[in-house]
C-alpha atoms as a PDB file:
ATOM      1  CA  MET A   1       0.391  -9.837  17.274  1.00  0.00           C
ATOM      2  CA  ILE A   2       0.493 -12.454  14.539  1.00  0.00           C
ATOM      3  CA  VAL A   3      -2.363 -12.502  12.067  1.00  0.00           C
ATOM      4  CA  ASP A   4      -3.065 -15.001   9.347  1.00  0.00           C
ATOM      5  CA  ARG A   5      -5.301 -14.321   6.350  1.00  0.00           C
ATOM      6  CA  LEU A   6      -4.886 -10.559   6.005  1.00  0.00           C
ATOM      7  CA  ASP A   7      -5.308 -11.067   2.275  1.00  0.00           C
ATOM      8  CA  ASP A   8      -8.468 -13.181   2.605  1.00  0.00           C
ATOM      9  CA  ALA A   9     -10.964 -11.785   0.090  1.00  0.00           C
ATOM     10  CA  LYS A  10     -13.831 -12.264   2.564  1.00  0.00           C
ATOM     11  CA  ALA A  11     -12.073 -10.099   5.160  1.00  0.00           C
ATOM     12  CA  GLY A  12     -11.492  -7.237   2.737  1.00  0.00           C
ATOM     13  CA  ASP A  13      -9.461  -4.258   3.906  1.00  0.00           C
ATOM     14  CA  GLY A  14     -11.308  -4.164   7.227  1.00  0.00           C
ATOM     15  CA  LEU A  15      -9.131  -6.820   8.844  1.00  0.00           C
ATOM     16  CA  LEU A  16      -5.946  -5.064   7.741  1.00  0.00           C
ATOM     17  CA  VAL A  17      -7.204  -1.731   9.094  1.00  0.00           C
ATOM     18  CA  GLN A  18      -8.271  -3.351  12.368  1.00  0.00           C
ATOM     19  CA  CYS A  19      -4.963  -5.149  12.932  1.00  0.00           C
ATOM     20  CA  ALA A  20      -2.726  -2.279  11.856  1.00  0.00           C
ATOM     21  CA  GLY A  21      -4.862   0.093  13.908  1.00  0.00           C
ATOM     22  CA  ARG A  22      -4.057  -1.918  17.003  1.00  0.00           C
ATOM     23  CA  VAL A  23      -0.371  -1.469  16.266  1.00  0.00           C
ATOM     24  CA  ILE A  24      -0.499   2.298  15.708  1.00  0.00           C
ATOM     25  CA  ARG A  25      -3.012   3.137  18.446  1.00  0.00           C
ATOM     26  CA  ALA A  26      -1.542   5.576  20.966  1.00  0.00           C
ATOM     27  CA  ALA A  27      -0.782   4.224  24.423  1.00  0.00           C
ATOM     28  CA  PRO A  28       1.076   5.588  27.456  1.00  0.00           C
ATOM     29  CA  GLY A  29       4.800   4.918  27.112  1.00  0.00           C
ATOM     30  CA  LYS A  30       4.504   3.851  23.477  1.00  0.00           C
ATOM     31  CA  ASP A  31       6.877   5.848  21.299  1.00  0.00           C
ATOM     32  CA  LEU A  32       7.264   3.604  18.273  1.00  0.00           C
ATOM     33  CA  ALA A  33       5.012   1.315  16.269  1.00  0.00           C
ATOM     34  CA  GLU A  34       6.184  -1.160  13.639  1.00  0.00           C
ATOM     35  CA  ALA A  35       4.243  -3.585  11.500  1.00  0.00           C
ATOM     36  CA  HIS A  36       6.077  -6.499   9.913  1.00  0.00           C
ATOM     37  CA  ASP A  37       4.366  -8.159   6.982  1.00  0.00           C
ATOM     38  CA  TYR A  38       6.175 -11.264   5.818  1.00  0.00           C
ATOM     39  CA  HIS A  39       5.728 -12.772   2.403  1.00  0.00           C
ATOM     40  CA  ASP A  40       7.538 -15.301   0.238  1.00  0.00           C
ATOM     41  CA  PRO A  41       8.496 -13.914  -3.178  1.00  0.00           C
ATOM     42  CA  ALA A  42       9.358 -17.444  -4.358  1.00  0.00           C
ATOM     43  CA  THR A  43       5.753 -18.594  -3.930  1.00  0.00           C
ATOM     44  CA  PRO A  44       3.489 -16.961  -6.553  1.00  0.00           C
ATOM     45  CA  ILE A  45       0.310 -16.778  -4.453  1.00  0.00           C
ATOM     46  CA  LEU A  46       2.209 -15.294  -1.512  1.00  0.00           C
ATOM     47  CA  ALA A  47       4.244 -12.946  -3.701  1.00  0.00           C
ATOM     48  CA  ALA A  48       1.008 -11.534  -5.130  1.00  0.00           C
ATOM     49  CA  SER A  49      -0.637 -10.952  -1.751  1.00  0.00           C
ATOM     50  CA  LEU A  50       1.584  -8.173  -0.334  1.00  0.00           C
ATOM     51  CA  PRO A  51       0.991  -5.762  -3.262  1.00  0.00           C
ATOM     52  CA  ARG A  52      -2.752  -6.184  -2.675  1.00  0.00           C
ATOM     53  CA  ARG A  53      -2.332  -5.133   0.973  1.00  0.00           C
ATOM     54  CA  MET A  54       0.066  -2.222   0.365  1.00  0.00           C
ATOM     55  CA  PRO A  55      -2.651   0.346  -0.484  1.00  0.00           C
ATOM     56  CA  GLY A  56      -4.235  -0.320   2.913  1.00  0.00           C
ATOM     57  CA  TYR A  57      -0.913   0.085   4.691  1.00  0.00           C
ATOM     58  CA  ARG A  58      -0.175   3.306   2.790  1.00  0.00           C
ATOM     59  CA  ALA A  59      -3.618   4.691   3.681  1.00  0.00           C
ATOM     60  CA  LEU A  60      -2.707   4.177   7.347  1.00  0.00           C
ATOM     61  CA  GLY A  61       0.612   5.973   6.927  1.00  0.00           C
ATOM     62  CA  PHE A  62       2.941   2.960   6.765  1.00  0.00           C
ATOM     63  CA  THR A  63       5.856   2.860   4.331  1.00  0.00           C
ATOM     64  CA  ARG A  64       7.677  -0.084   2.834  1.00  0.00           C
ATOM     65  CA  THR A  65      11.320  -0.459   3.771  1.00  0.00           C
END
């Protein structure tokens, strides 16, 4: 699943929770769930967006590697 605008202020944390929830939802035969969140540290607006989403990921049990 590819999602654009997870850091959109109008979407709030609800969109992040909804999308990540789809990834971690239990399903028959599903043993592993991974979420990849790409950002560009060389672009200031993009570099600032991941730290704003991290609390939502942490609340869902994700860790940053």
